[in-house]
PDB file of N, CA and C in Angstrom:
ATOM      1  N   UNK A   1       0.653  -1.280   0.155  1.00  0.00           N
ATOM      2  CA  UNK A   1       0.083  -0.212   0.155  1.00  0.00           C
ATOM      3  C   UNK A   1       0.823   1.113  -0.144  1.00  0.00           C
ATOM      4  N   UNK A   2       0.615   2.198  -0.688  1.00  0.00           N
ATOM      5  CA  UNK A   2       1.310   3.268  -0.914  1.00  0.00           C
ATOM      6  C   UNK A   2       0.282   4.720  -0.687  1.00  0.00           C
ATOM      7  N   UNK A   3       0.870   5.608  -0.091  1.00  0.00           N
ATOM      8  CA  UNK A   3       0.262   6.812  -0.047  1.00  0.00           C
ATOM      9  C   UNK A   3       0.725   7.841  -0.940  1.00  0.00           C
ATOM     10  N   UNK A   4       0.345   8.318  -1.903  1.00  0.00           N
ATOM     11  CA  UNK A   4       0.682   9.123  -3.112  1.00  0.00           C
ATOM     12  C   UNK A   4       0.356  10.283  -3.046  1.00  0.00           C
ATOM     13  N   UNK A   5      -0.630  10.977  -2.574  1.00  0.00           N
ATOM     14  CA  UNK A   5      -1.029  12.343  -2.448  1.00  0.00           C
ATOM     15  C   UNK A   5      -1.689  12.804  -1.338  1.00  0.00           C
ATOM     16  N   UNK A   6      -0.806  13.823  -0.752  1.00  0.00           N
ATOM     17  CA  UNK A   6      -1.435  14.255   0.811  1.00  0.00           C
ATOM     18  C   UNK A   6      -2.471  15.370   0.351  1.00  0.00           C
ATOM     19  N   UNK A   7      -2.452  16.155  -0.816  1.00  0.00           N
ATOM     20  CA  UNK A   7      -3.519  17.253  -0.804  1.00  0.00           C
ATOM     21  C   UNK A   7      -4.872  16.652  -0.906  1.00  0.00           C
ATOM     22  N   UNK A   8      -4.903  15.718  -1.711  1.00  0.00           N
ATOM     23  CA  UNK A   8      -6.266  14.882  -1.798  1.00  0.00           C
ATOM     24  C   UNK A   8      -5.856  13.281  -1.196  1.00  0.00           C
ATOM     25  N   UNK A   9      -6.134  13.094  -0.040  1.00  0.00           N
ATOM     26  CA  UNK A   9      -5.755  11.923   0.375  1.00  0.00           C
ATOM     27  C   UNK A   9      -5.961  10.723  -0.505  1.00  0.00           C
ATOM     28  N   UNK A  10      -4.780  10.072  -1.086  1.00  0.00           N
ATOM     29  CA  UNK A  10      -4.780   9.082  -2.228  1.00  0.00           C
ATOM     30  C   UNK A  10      -4.003   8.073  -1.909  1.00  0.00           C
ATOM     31  N   UNK A  11      -4.550   6.675  -1.896  1.00  0.00           N
ATOM     32  CA  UNK A  11      -3.606   5.535  -1.828  1.00  0.00           C
ATOM     33  C   UNK A  11      -3.816   4.719  -2.759  1.00  0.00           C
ATOM     34  N   UNK A  12      -2.397   3.842  -2.908  1.00  0.00           N
ATOM     35  CA  UNK A  12      -2.464   2.984  -4.140  1.00  0.00           C
ATOM     36  C   UNK A  12      -2.233   1.659  -3.427  1.00  0.00           C
ATOM     37  N   UNK A  13      -2.662   0.441  -3.974  1.00  0.00           N
ATOM     38  CA  UNK A  13      -2.415  -0.770  -3.368  1.00  0.00           C
ATOM     39  C   UNK A  13      -2.025  -1.346  -4.821  1.00  0.00           C
ATOM     40  N   UNK A  14      -0.835  -2.294  -4.873  1.00  0.00           N
ATOM     41  CA  UNK A  14      -0.255  -2.917  -5.834  1.00  0.00           C
ATOM     42  C   UNK A  14      -0.750  -4.356  -5.933  1.00  0.00           C
ATOM     43  N   UNK A  15      -1.683  -5.075  -6.527  1.00  0.00           N
ATOM     44  CA  UNK A  15      -2.053  -6.434  -6.532  1.00  0.00           C
ATOM     45  C   UNK A  15      -1.472  -7.155  -7.534  1.00  0.00           C
ATOM     46  N   UNK A  16      -1.128  -8.271  -7.132  1.00  0.00           N
ATOM     47  CA  UNK A  16      -0.813  -9.240  -8.344  1.00  0.00           C
ATOM     48  C   UNK A  16      -1.827 -10.080  -8.635  1.00  0.00           C
ATOM     49  N   UNK A  17      -2.642  -9.779  -9.689  1.00  0.00           N
ATOM     50  CA  UNK A  17      -3.709 -10.693  -9.870  1.00  0.00           C
ATOM     51  C   UNK A  17      -4.505  -9.894 -11.343  1.00  0.00           C
ATOM     52  N   UNK A  18      -5.469 -10.539 -11.940  1.00  0.00           N
ATOM     53  CA  UNK A  18      -5.616 -10.114 -13.195  1.00  0.00           C
ATOM     54  C   UNK A  18      -6.569  -8.932 -12.867  1.00  0.00           C
ATOM     55  N   UNK A  19      -7.511  -8.543 -13.924  1.00  0.00           N
ATOM     56  CA  UNK A  19      -8.273  -7.514 -14.061  1.00  0.00           C
ATOM     57  C   UNK A  19      -9.657  -7.810 -12.913  1.00  0.00           C
ATOM     58  N   UNK A  20     -10.174  -9.265 -13.128  1.00  0.00           N
ATOM     59  CA  UNK A  20     -11.599  -9.799 -12.408  1.00  0.00           C
ATOM     60  C   UNK A  20     -10.919  -9.720 -11.045  1.00  0.00           C
ATOM     61  N   UNK A  21      -9.662 -10.069 -10.693  1.00  0.00           N
ATOM     62  CA  UNK A  21      -9.302 -10.384  -9.346  1.00  0.00           C
ATOM     63  C   UNK A  21      -9.058  -9.263  -8.831  1.00  0.00           C
ATOM     64  N   UNK A  22      -8.727  -8.103  -9.360  1.00  0.00           N
ATOM     65  CA  UNK A  22      -8.832  -6.553  -8.876  1.00  0.00           C
ATOM     66  C   UNK A  22     -10.102  -6.068  -8.736  1.00  0.00           C
ATOM     67  N   UNK A  23     -10.897  -6.449  -9.644  1.00  0.00           N
ATOM     68  CA  UNK A  23     -12.494  -5.786  -9.385  1.00  0.00           C
ATOM     69  C   UNK A  23     -13.151  -6.504  -7.947  1.00  0.00           C
ATOM     70  N   UNK A  24     -12.818  -7.842  -8.189  1.00  0.00           N
ATOM     71  CA  UNK A  24     -13.223  -8.410  -6.622  1.00  0.00           C
ATOM     72  C   UNK A  24     -12.741  -7.606  -5.468  1.00  0.00           C
ATOM     73  N   UNK A  25     -11.306  -7.464  -5.671  1.00  0.00           N
ATOM     74  CA  UNK A  25     -10.730  -6.673  -4.028  1.00  0.00           C
ATOM     75  C   UNK A  25     -11.187  -5.306  -4.191  1.00  0.00           C
ATOM     76  N   UNK A  26     -11.598  -4.653  -5.240  1.00  0.00           N
ATOM     77  CA  UNK A  26     -12.156  -3.348  -4.972  1.00  0.00           C
ATOM     78  C   UNK A  26     -13.739  -3.097  -4.540  1.00  0.00           C
ATOM     79  N   UNK A  27     -14.385  -4.145  -5.078  1.00  0.00           N
ATOM     80  CA  UNK A  27     -15.787  -4.571  -4.321  1.00  0.00           C
ATOM     81  C   UNK A  27     -15.510  -4.592  -2.960  1.00  0.00           C
ATOM     82  N   UNK A  28     -14.772  -5.605  -2.455  1.00  0.00           N
ATOM     83  CA  UNK A  28     -14.496  -5.766  -0.947  1.00  0.00           C
ATOM     84  C   UNK A  28     -14.124  -4.726  -0.131  1.00  0.00           C
ATOM     85  N   UNK A  29     -13.310  -3.960  -0.781  1.00  0.00           N
ATOM     86  CA  UNK A  29     -12.804  -2.773  -0.254  1.00  0.00           C
ATOM     87  C   UNK A  29     -13.681  -1.730  -0.101  1.00  0.00           C
ATOM     88  N   UNK A  30     -14.565  -1.596  -1.166  1.00  0.00           N
ATOM     89  CA  UNK A  30     -15.661  -0.737  -1.038  1.00  0.00           C
ATOM     90  C   UNK A  30     -17.077  -0.945  -0.282  1.00  0.00           C
ATOM     91  N   UNK A  31     -16.995  -2.331   0.114  1.00  0.00           N
ATOM     92  CA  UNK A  31     -18.288  -2.663   1.071  1.00  0.00           C
ATOM     93  C   UNK A  31     -17.547  -2.657   2.452  1.00  0.00           C
ATOM     94  N   UNK A  32     -16.577  -2.785   2.613  1.00  0.00           N
ATOM     95  CA  UNK A  32     -15.951  -2.651   4.100  1.00  0.00           C
ATOM     96  C   UNK A  32     -15.894  -1.477   4.404  1.00  0.00           C
ATOM     97  N   UNK A  33     -15.648  -0.427   3.337  1.00  0.00           N
ATOM     98  CA  UNK A  33     -15.271   0.966   3.731  1.00  0.00           C
ATOM     99  C   UNK A  33     -16.668   1.594   4.112  1.00  0.00           C
ATOM    100  N   UNK A  34     -17.545   1.221   3.255  1.00  0.00           N
ATOM    101  CA  UNK A  34     -19.237   1.629   3.684  1.00  0.00           C
ATOM    102  C   UNK A  34     -19.479   1.343   5.020  1.00  0.00           C
ATOM    103  N   UNK A  35     -19.154  -0.076   5.304  1.00  0.00           N
ATOM    104  CA  UNK A  35     -19.380  -0.556   6.632  1.00  0.00           C
ATOM    105  C   UNK A  35     -18.974   0.205   7.878  1.00  0.00           C
ATOM    106  N   UNK A  36     -17.506   0.027   7.596  1.00  0.00           N
ATOM    107  CA  UNK A  36     -16.813   1.021   8.873  1.00  0.00           C
ATOM    108  C   UNK A  36     -17.203   2.516   8.539  1.00  0.00           C
ATOM    109  N   UNK A  37     -17.604   3.205   7.711  1.00  0.00           N
ATOM    110  CA  UNK A  37     -17.967   4.458   7.774  1.00  0.00           C
ATOM    111  C   UNK A  37     -19.364   4.512   8.367  1.00  0.00           C
ATOM    112  N   UNK A  38     -20.349   3.650   8.171  1.00  0.00           N
ATOM    113  CA  UNK A  38     -21.765   3.585   8.714  1.00  0.00           C
ATOM    114  C   UNK A  38     -21.486   3.343  10.462  1.00  0.00           C
ATOM    115  N   UNK A  39     -20.293   3.073  10.639  1.00  0.00           N
ATOM    116  CA  UNK A  39     -20.384   2.560  12.143  1.00  0.00           C
ATOM    117  C   UNK A  39     -19.690   3.938  12.902  1.00  0.00           C
ATOM    118  N   UNK A  40     -19.346   4.952  12.371  1.00  0.00           N
ATOM    119  CA  UNK A  40     -18.938   6.184  12.831  1.00  0.00           C
ATOM    120  C   UNK A  40     -19.953   7.134  13.056  1.00  0.00           C
ATOM    121  N   UNK A  41     -20.635   7.066  14.478  1.00  0.00           N
ATOM    122  CA  UNK A  41     -21.718   8.192  14.893  1.00  0.00           C
ATOM    123  C   UNK A  41     -21.248   9.582  14.734  1.00  0.00           C
ATOM    124  N   UNK A  42     -19.835   9.946  15.082  1.00  0.00           N
ATOM    125  CA  UNK A  42     -19.608  11.084  15.128  1.00  0.00           C
ATOM    126  C   UNK A  42     -19.365  11.853  13.651  1.00  0.00           C
ATOM    127  N   UNK A  43     -19.718  11.244  12.350  1.00  0.00           N
ATOM    128  CA  UNK A  43     -19.259  11.897  11.216  1.00  0.00           C
ATOM    129  C   UNK A  43     -20.655  11.922  10.323  1.00  0.00           C
ATOM    130  N   UNK A  44     -21.840  12.429  10.906  1.00  0.00           N
ATOM    131  CA  UNK A  44     -23.008  12.284  10.105  1.00  0.00           C
ATOM    132  C   UNK A  44     -22.890  13.728   9.126  1.00  0.00           C
ATOM    133  N   UNK A  45     -22.287  14.709   9.513  1.00  0.00           N
ATOM    134  CA  UNK A  45     -22.053  15.669   8.599  1.00  0.00           C
ATOM    135  C   UNK A  45     -20.865  15.877   7.786  1.00  0.00           C
ATOM    136  N   UNK A  46     -19.948  14.762   7.730  1.00  0.00           N
ATOM    137  CA  UNK A  46     -18.739  14.985   6.913  1.00  0.00           C
ATOM    138  C   UNK A  46     -18.867  14.141   5.671  1.00  0.00           C
ATOM    139  N   UNK A  47     -18.924  14.678   4.476  1.00  0.00           N
ATOM    140  CA  UNK A  47     -18.698  14.175   3.096  1.00  0.00           C
ATOM    141  C   UNK A  47     -17.521  13.225   2.968  1.00  0.00           C
ATOM    142  N   UNK A  48     -17.411  11.972   3.072  1.00  0.00           N
ATOM    143  CA  UNK A  48     -16.650  11.052   2.717  1.00  0.00           C
ATOM    144  C   UNK A  48     -17.023  10.282   1.784  1.00  0.00           C
ATOM    145  N   UNK A  49     -15.823   9.987   0.695  1.00  0.00           N
ATOM    146  CA  UNK A  49     -16.421   9.329  -0.514  1.00  0.00           C
ATOM    147  C   UNK A  49     -15.098   8.425  -0.972  1.00  0.00           C
ATOM    148  N   UNK A  50     -15.413   7.350  -1.346  1.00  0.00           N
ATOM    149  CA  UNK A  50     -14.442   6.714  -1.817  1.00  0.00           C
ATOM    150  C   UNK A  50     -14.472   6.098  -3.210  1.00  0.00           C
ATOM    151  N   UNK A  51     -13.199   6.302  -4.262  1.00  0.00           N
ATOM    152  CA  UNK A  51     -13.127   6.289  -5.373  1.00  0.00           C
ATOM    153  C   UNK A  51     -12.100   5.429  -5.856  1.00  0.00           C
ATOM    154  N   UNK A  52     -12.250   4.446  -6.791  1.00  0.00           N
ATOM    155  CA  UNK A  52     -11.442   3.357  -6.917  1.00  0.00           C
ATOM    156  C   UNK A  52     -11.169   3.384  -8.582  1.00  0.00           C
ATOM    157  N   UNK A  53      -9.661   3.240  -8.831  1.00  0.00           N
ATOM    158  CA  UNK A  53      -9.405   2.978 -10.276  1.00  0.00           C
ATOM    159  C   UNK A  53      -8.615   1.764 -10.252  1.00  0.00           C
ATOM    160  N   UNK A  54      -9.077   1.215 -11.417  1.00  0.00           N
ATOM    161  CA  UNK A  54      -7.888  -0.150 -11.493  1.00  0.00           C
ATOM    162  C   UNK A  54      -7.272   0.152 -12.831  1.00  0.00           C
ATOM    163  N   UNK A  55      -6.038  -0.433 -12.965  1.00  0.00           N
ATOM    164  CA  UNK A  55      -5.084  -0.382 -14.120  1.00  0.00           C
ATOM    165  C   UNK A  55      -4.234  -1.592 -14.263  1.00  0.00           C
ATOM    166  N   UNK A  56      -3.885  -1.991 -15.362  1.00  0.00           N
ATOM    167  CA  UNK A  56      -3.126  -3.192 -15.659  1.00  0.00           C
ATOM    168  C   UNK A  56      -1.677  -2.928 -15.910  1.00  0.00           C
ATOM    169  N   UNK A  57      -0.778  -3.712 -15.495  1.00  0.00           N
ATOM    170  CA  UNK A  57       0.718  -3.151 -15.761  1.00  0.00           C
ATOM    171  C   UNK A  57       1.149  -4.180 -17.146  1.00  0.00           C
ATOM    172  N   UNK A  58       0.128  -4.521 -17.807  1.00  0.00           N
ATOM    173  CA  UNK A  58       0.496  -5.611 -19.046  1.00  0.00           C
ATOM    174  C   UNK A  58       1.421  -4.884 -19.734  1.00  0.00           C
ATOM    175  N   UNK A  59       2.598  -5.650 -19.851  1.00  0.00           N
ATOM    176  CA  UNK A  59       3.823  -4.630 -20.893  1.00  0.00           C
ATOM    177  C   UNK A  59       3.564  -3.999 -22.188  1.00  0.00           C
ATOM    178  N   UNK A  60       2.425  -4.419 -22.825  1.00  0.00           N
ATOM    179  CA  UNK A  60       1.935  -3.527 -23.702  1.00  0.00           C
ATOM    180  C   UNK A  60       1.511  -2.215 -23.464  1.00  0.00           C
ATOM    181  N   UNK A  61       0.671  -2.327 -22.458  1.00  0.00           N
ATOM    182  CA  UNK A  61      -0.195  -1.095 -21.753  1.00  0.00           C
ATOM    183  C   UNK A  61       0.710   0.238 -20.975  1.00  0.00           C
ATOM    184  N   UNK A  62       1.754  -0.483 -20.287  1.00  0.00           N
ATOM    185  CA  UNK A  62       2.510   0.354 -19.475  1.00  0.00           C
ATOM    186  C   UNK A  62       3.820  -0.215 -19.404  1.00  0.00           C
ATOM    187  N   UNK A  63       4.838   0.868 -19.284  1.00  0.00           N
ATOM    188  CA  UNK A  63       6.132   0.842 -19.370  1.00  0.00           C
ATOM    189  C   UNK A  63       6.873   1.194 -18.283  1.00  0.00           C
ATOM    190  N   UNK A  64       6.513   2.050 -17.452  1.00  0.00           N
ATOM    191  CA  UNK A  64       7.101   2.526 -16.251  1.00  0.00           C
ATOM    192  C   UNK A  64       6.072   2.580 -15.077  1.00  0.00           C
ATOM    193  N   UNK A  65       6.524   2.573 -13.918  1.00  0.00           N
ATOM    194  CA  UNK A  65       5.570   2.584 -12.691  1.00  0.00           C
ATOM    195  C   UNK A  65       4.919   3.973 -12.529  1.00  0.00           C
ATOM    196  N   UNK A  66       5.297   4.794 -13.115  1.00  0.00           N
ATOM    197  CA  UNK A  66       4.588   6.299 -12.914  1.00  0.00           C
ATOM    198  C   UNK A  66       3.344   6.235 -14.027  1.00  0.00           C
ATOM    199  N   UNK A  67       3.478   5.393 -15.478  1.00  0.00           N
ATOM    200  CA  UNK A  67       2.509   5.218 -15.988  1.00  0.00           C
ATOM    201  C   UNK A  67       1.545   4.510 -15.264  1.00  0.00           C
ATOM    202  N   UNK A  68       1.651   3.792 -14.568  1.00  0.00           N
ATOM    203  CA  UNK A  68       0.679   2.470 -14.188  1.00  0.00           C
ATOM    204  C   UNK A  68       0.009   3.563 -13.160  1.00  0.00           C
ATOM    205  N   UNK A  69       0.641   4.191 -12.241  1.00  0.00           N
ATOM    206  CA  UNK A  69       0.107   5.098 -11.410  1.00  0.00           C
ATOM    207  C   UNK A  69      -1.033   6.091 -12.048  1.00  0.00           C
ATOM    208  N   UNK A  70      -0.384   7.012 -13.283  1.00  0.00           N
ATOM    209  CA  UNK A  70      -1.227   7.515 -14.177  1.00  0.00           C
ATOM    210  C   UNK A  70      -2.392   6.757 -14.707  1.00  0.00           C
ATOM    211  N   UNK A  71      -2.307   5.593 -15.223  1.00  0.00           N
ATOM    212  CA  UNK A  71      -3.541   5.168 -15.922  1.00  0.00           C
ATOM    213  C   UNK A  71      -4.300   4.773 -14.467  1.00  0.00           C
ATOM    214  N   UNK A  72      -4.049   4.391 -13.351  1.00  0.00           N
ATOM    215  CA  UNK A  72      -5.118   4.150 -12.327  1.00  0.00           C
ATOM    216  C   UNK A  72      -5.840   5.289 -11.841  1.00  0.00           C
ATOM    217  N   UNK A  73      -5.014   6.607 -11.955  1.00  0.00           N
ATOM    218  CA  UNK A  73      -5.579   7.707 -11.484  1.00  0.00           C
ATOM    219  C   UNK A  73      -6.667   8.264 -12.549  1.00  0.00           C
ATOM    220  N   UNK A  74      -6.321   8.035 -13.647  1.00  0.00           N
ATOM    221  CA  UNK A  74      -7.212   8.169 -14.971  1.00  0.00           C
ATOM    222  C   UNK A  74      -8.429   7.741 -14.755  1.00  0.00           C
ATOM    223  N   UNK A  75      -8.575   6.254 -14.041  1.00  0.00           N
ATOM    224  CA  UNK A  75      -9.599   5.492 -14.208  1.00  0.00           C
ATOM    225  C   UNK A  75     -10.416   5.905 -13.210  1.00  0.00           C
ATOM    226  N   UNK A  76      -9.950   6.775 -12.079  1.00  0.00           N
ATOM    227  CA  UNK A  76     -10.755   7.180 -10.819  1.00  0.00           C
ATOM    228  C   UNK A  76     -11.796   8.103 -11.192  1.00  0.00           C
ATOM    229  N   UNK A  77     -11.659   8.603 -12.513  1.00  0.00           N
ATOM    230  CA  UNK A  77     -12.608   9.570 -13.205  1.00  0.00           C
ATOM    231  C   UNK A  77     -13.824   9.025 -13.692  1.00  0.00           C
ATOM    232  N   UNK A  78     -13.837   7.575 -14.003  1.00  0.00           N
ATOM    233  CA  UNK A  78     -15.045   6.827 -14.277  1.00  0.00           C
ATOM    234  C   UNK A  78     -15.680   5.668 -13.352  1.00  0.00           C
ATOM    235  N   UNK A  79     -14.991   5.905 -11.914  1.00  0.00           N
ATOM    236  CA  UNK A  79     -15.481   5.236 -10.966  1.00  0.00           C
ATOM    237  C   UNK A  79     -16.872   5.567 -10.889  1.00  0.00           C
ATOM    238  N   UNK A  80     -17.951   4.474 -10.656  1.00  0.00           N
ATOM    239  CA  UNK A  80     -19.262   4.891 -10.090  1.00  0.00           C
ATOM    240  C   UNK A  80     -19.759   4.109  -9.334  1.00  0.00           C
TER     241      UNK A  80
END
């Protein structure tokens, strides 16, 4: 797990799996995040959101670690 941006709190997790496995992990993170947030009674007026982007490091798609991080951040624009 990597903390990549302090201005807008952003973390990255490097998984060694295929895209389907990454989607399963993302769904589990999303579910756990929502459950834990719901258990915080002191935060009813705080707007907290979770956006997840998934990118692959397939050799043809990405050549450097920076390109992989950029691709994942770009995917966060389309998270629903």
